[in-house]
Protein backbone atom coordinates (compact mmCIF):
# COMPACT_ATOMS: atom_id res chain seq x y z
CA UNK A 1 67.91 -80.32 55.07
CA UNK A 2 66.57 -83.69 56.25
CA UNK A 3 65.19 -84.43 52.77
CA UNK A 4 68.46 -83.36 51.13
CA UNK A 5 70.48 -85.63 53.40
CA UNK A 6 68.08 -88.52 52.79
CA UNK A 7 68.33 -88.11 49.01
CA UNK A 8 72.09 -87.84 49.24
CA UNK A 9 72.33 -91.00 51.33
CA UNK A 10 70.08 -92.86 48.86
CA UNK A 11 72.08 -91.84 45.78
CA UNK A 12 75.33 -92.65 47.59
CA UNK A 13 74.07 -96.10 48.49
CA UNK A 14 72.89 -96.80 44.93
CA UNK A 15 76.29 -95.71 43.62
CA UNK A 16 78.04 -97.93 46.17
CA UNK A 17 75.98 -100.88 44.95
CA UNK A 18 76.79 -100.03 41.31
CA UNK A 19 80.49 -99.94 42.16
CA UNK A 20 80.25 -103.27 43.97
CA UNK A 21 78.54 -104.91 40.97
CA UNK A 22 81.07 -103.47 38.53
CA UNK A 23 84.03 -104.49 40.71
CA UNK A 24 82.72 -108.07 40.76
CA UNK A 25 83.47 -108.05 37.03
CA UNK A 26 81.13 -110.83 35.97
CA UNK A 27 79.71 -109.14 32.86
CA UNK A 28 81.74 -106.42 31.13
CA UNK A 29 78.88 -105.16 28.96
CA UNK A 30 76.49 -104.94 31.91
CA UNK A 31 79.19 -103.18 33.92
CA UNK A 32 79.64 -100.62 31.15
CA UNK A 33 75.88 -100.05 31.01
CA UNK A 34 75.70 -99.51 34.76
CA UNK A 35 78.59 -97.05 34.59
CA UNK A 36 77.00 -95.10 31.72
CA UNK A 37 73.40 -95.29 32.88
CA UNK A 38 73.84 -94.77 36.59
CA UNK A 39 77.29 -93.66 37.77
CA UNK A 40 77.76 -91.07 35.01
CA UNK A 41 74.47 -89.45 36.06
CA UNK A 42 74.61 -89.89 39.81
CA UNK A 43 78.19 -88.90 40.65
CA UNK A 44 77.76 -85.25 39.58
CA UNK A 45 74.51 -85.12 41.61
CA UNK A 46 76.39 -86.51 44.61
CA UNK A 47 79.04 -83.80 44.32
CA UNK A 48 76.36 -81.11 44.16
CA UNK A 49 74.49 -82.53 47.15
CA UNK A 50 77.63 -83.01 49.20
CA UNK A 51 78.55 -79.38 48.61
CA UNK A 52 75.09 -78.20 49.70
CA UNK A 53 75.18 -80.38 52.81
CA UNK A 54 78.67 -79.18 53.76
CA UNK A 55 77.51 -75.56 53.45
CA UNK A 56 74.16 -75.77 55.21
CA UNK A 57 73.90 -78.76 57.54
CA UNK A 58 73.71 -78.13 61.27
CA UNK A 59 74.11 -81.11 63.58
CA UNK A 60 74.59 -81.96 67.24
CA UNK A 61 77.49 -83.99 68.64
CA UNK A 62 76.09 -87.33 67.46
CA UNK A 63 75.38 -85.80 64.06
CA UNK A 64 78.97 -84.60 63.82
CA UNK A 65 80.21 -88.17 64.22
CA UNK A 66 77.70 -89.41 61.65
CA UNK A 67 78.67 -86.71 59.17
CA UNK A 68 82.40 -87.51 59.49
CA UNK A 69 81.68 -91.08 58.44
CA UNK A 70 79.25 -89.98 55.76
CA UNK A 71 81.75 -87.56 54.23
CA UNK A 72 84.48 -90.23 54.22
CA UNK A 73 82.13 -92.76 52.61
CA UNK A 74 80.97 -90.21 50.05
CA UNK A 75 84.51 -89.27 49.08
CA UNK A 76 85.41 -92.94 48.62
CA UNK A 77 82.34 -93.54 46.44
CA UNK A 78 83.15 -90.49 44.30
CA UNK A 79 86.78 -91.56 43.92
CA UNK A 80 85.94 -95.15 43.04
CA UNK A 81 83.05 -94.14 40.79
CA UNK A 82 85.04 -91.62 38.78
CA UNK A 83 87.83 -94.18 38.46
CA UNK A 84 85.34 -96.59 36.90
CA UNK A 85 84.07 -93.93 34.50
CA UNK A 86 87.65 -93.22 33.49
CA UNK A 87 88.32 -96.92 32.95
CA UNK A 88 85.33 -97.20 30.61
CA UNK A 89 86.06 -93.77 29.09
CA UNK A 90 82.57 -92.55 29.96
CA UNK A 91 82.21 -88.84 30.69
CA UNK A 92 80.13 -87.78 33.69
CA UNK A 93 76.85 -86.12 32.74
CA UNK A 94 76.68 -82.45 33.67
CA UNK A 95 74.25 -81.69 36.49
CA UNK A 96 72.70 -78.36 37.26
CA UNK A 97 70.00 -78.16 39.89
CA UNK A 98 66.86 -76.58 38.41
CA UNK A 99 66.41 -74.24 41.40
CA UNK A 100 69.93 -72.86 41.44
């Protein structure tokens, strides 16, 4: 589960950076490329990972506090990211884990 959480955190952080760049709005074509090439691929993976973590993670008291913040951050990134995809009319790319 440690590796899953680490991957999830990494993809969430990359998506947060993508959203920040796009929201700066300095280059519309670059923003569209980031949305299509990164957010459209990563957001479905984030949903899958978040579901797996919610089902299987076991944490102590400090971990519970961390996870509350992590879940809130993740939900905000998903909301903002999907809003950007909608704005650019870019569909999310389907994700299916190869081991499921």
